[in-house]
Amino acid sequence: MNLTTVPDSGECVMVTASSDIEHRCPHVDEVDKGTVTISWMVTECTIELHSLAEYIRGWKDVRVSHEELTATIQRDVLRAGVEEVQVRAMWQTAGMSIATDTRCPS
C-alpha cells in the first residue's frame, strides 16, 4: 500500500481528509468498521488524494488492532513526505464506540 505525493505550493495549509475504513480484528473473527480522519501540513508537497483513498481501502483484509492501525497510518503518511500528521479513528466494535488518536510527536 503506497502513498504518493504531488508538488504543492500551498505551504502552511493544513489538510484534513476523512473516510470510512475497515480491517479484520486480530482477536475475534470479525470485521471492524470505522471512520478515519487524517490531517497533515502541506510543505512543498501534499498527499495525492486518490492514492490516499486506495491506501485506506487496502486495510480491508488486514488483521490489525485499532491502535496499531492508527499508529501505522501516521507513520506511513509521515514517510510520504508531509509534516504534522495526526490520525483519529472512530470504531464500532463489541457494542461500543472506540476512538484511537495519535499523540506522539510526528
Protein backbone atom coordinates (compact mmCIF):
# COMPACT_ATOMS: atom_id res chain seq x y z
CA MET A 1 0.00 0.00 0.00
CA ASN A 2 1.79 3.08 -1.23
CA LEU A 3 1.03 6.72 -0.71
CA THR A 4 2.17 9.16 -3.34
CA THR A 5 2.66 12.88 -3.09
CA VAL A 6 2.30 15.68 -5.61
CA PRO A 7 4.06 19.04 -5.60
CA ASP A 8 2.02 21.77 -3.94
CA SER A 9 2.80 25.40 -3.22
CA GLY A 10 0.12 25.77 -0.52
CA GLU A 11 2.68 25.97 2.28
CA CYS A 12 1.34 26.26 5.82
CA VAL A 13 -2.04 24.81 4.83
CA MET A 14 -3.45 22.01 6.96
CA VAL A 15 -5.36 19.35 5.01
CA THR A 16 -7.89 17.05 6.70
CA ALA A 17 -9.36 14.01 4.96
CA SER A 18 -11.96 11.60 6.38
CA SER A 19 -13.01 8.21 5.06
CA ASP A 20 -14.73 5.00 6.04
CA ILE A 21 -12.23 2.27 6.90
CA GLU A 22 -12.40 -1.47 7.60
CA HIS A 23 -9.95 -4.02 8.94
CA ARG A 24 -10.03 -7.52 10.40
CA CYS A 25 -9.91 -7.84 14.17
CA PRO A 26 -6.79 -9.75 15.32
CA HIS A 27 -8.58 -11.10 18.42
CA VAL A 28 -12.07 -12.10 17.21
CA ASP A 29 -13.11 -13.26 13.74
CA GLU A 30 -14.95 -10.11 12.70
CA VAL A 31 -14.62 -7.03 10.54
CA ASP A 32 -14.21 -3.74 12.40
CA LYS A 33 -15.69 -0.73 10.64
CA GLY A 34 -14.99 2.88 11.38
CA THR A 35 -14.08 6.31 10.16
CA VAL A 36 -10.53 7.62 9.95
CA THR A 37 -9.58 11.29 9.86
CA ILE A 38 -6.07 12.19 8.76
CA SER A 39 -4.61 15.71 8.96
CA TRP A 40 -1.26 16.91 7.62
CA MET A 41 0.59 20.12 6.89
CA VAL A 42 1.39 20.90 3.26
CA THR A 43 5.02 21.85 2.82
CA GLU A 44 6.41 21.51 -0.69
CA CYS A 45 4.10 18.58 -1.44
CA THR A 46 0.82 17.04 -0.38
CA ILE A 47 -0.68 13.55 -0.39
CA GLU A 48 -2.34 12.66 -3.70
CA LEU A 49 -5.92 12.00 -2.61
CA HIS A 50 -6.66 9.05 -4.93
CA SER A 51 -3.61 7.23 -3.56
CA LEU A 52 -4.82 8.00 -0.02
CA ALA A 53 -8.26 6.54 -0.78
CA GLU A 54 -6.66 3.38 -2.22
CA TYR A 55 -4.33 3.13 0.78
CA ILE A 56 -7.28 3.30 3.19
CA ARG A 57 -9.24 0.66 1.22
CA GLY A 58 -6.15 -1.57 1.35
CA TRP A 59 -6.64 -2.28 5.06
CA LYS A 60 -9.89 -4.21 4.47
CA ASP A 61 -8.46 -7.74 4.87
CA VAL A 62 -5.57 -6.94 7.23
CA ARG A 63 -5.67 -8.36 10.78
CA VAL A 64 -4.52 -5.47 12.95
CA SER A 65 -5.59 -3.77 16.16
CA HIS A 66 -7.20 -0.33 16.13
CA GLU A 67 -4.19 1.06 17.96
CA GLU A 68 -1.60 -0.43 15.63
CA LEU A 69 -3.54 0.64 12.55
CA THR A 70 -3.85 4.24 13.75
CA ALA A 71 -0.11 4.45 14.53
CA THR A 72 0.84 2.80 11.22
CA ILE A 73 -1.25 5.25 9.22
CA GLN A 74 0.53 8.14 10.92
CA ARG A 75 3.98 6.63 10.19
CA ASP A 76 3.08 5.92 6.55
CA VAL A 77 1.77 9.43 5.92
CA LEU A 78 4.89 10.93 7.52
CA ARG A 79 7.10 8.71 5.33
CA ALA A 80 5.32 10.10 2.26
CA GLY A 81 6.95 13.45 2.99
CA VAL A 82 4.43 15.71 4.70
CA GLU A 83 4.60 17.08 8.25
CA GLU A 84 2.50 17.48 11.40
CA VAL A 85 0.44 14.35 10.81
CA GLN A 86 -2.42 13.48 13.15
CA VAL A 87 -4.73 10.50 12.84
CA ARG A 88 -8.03 9.86 14.62
CA ALA A 89 -10.16 6.79 14.05
CA MET A 90 -13.63 6.03 15.40
CA TRP A 91 -14.69 2.37 15.54
CA GLN A 92 -17.88 0.45 16.23
CA THR A 93 -16.97 -2.87 17.84
CA ALA A 94 -18.09 -5.08 20.71
CA GLY A 95 -21.21 -2.95 21.07
CA MET A 96 -19.13 0.15 21.83
CA SER A 97 -17.80 3.25 20.12
CA ILE A 98 -14.00 3.33 20.33
CA ALA A 99 -11.66 6.22 19.43
CA THR A 100 -7.95 5.95 18.69
CA ASP A 101 -5.78 9.04 18.28
CA THR A 102 -2.10 9.58 17.61
CA ARG A 103 -0.49 11.52 20.44
CA CYS A 104 3.20 11.01 19.77
CA PRO A 105 5.08 13.83 18.08
CA SER A 106 5.06 13.40 14.34
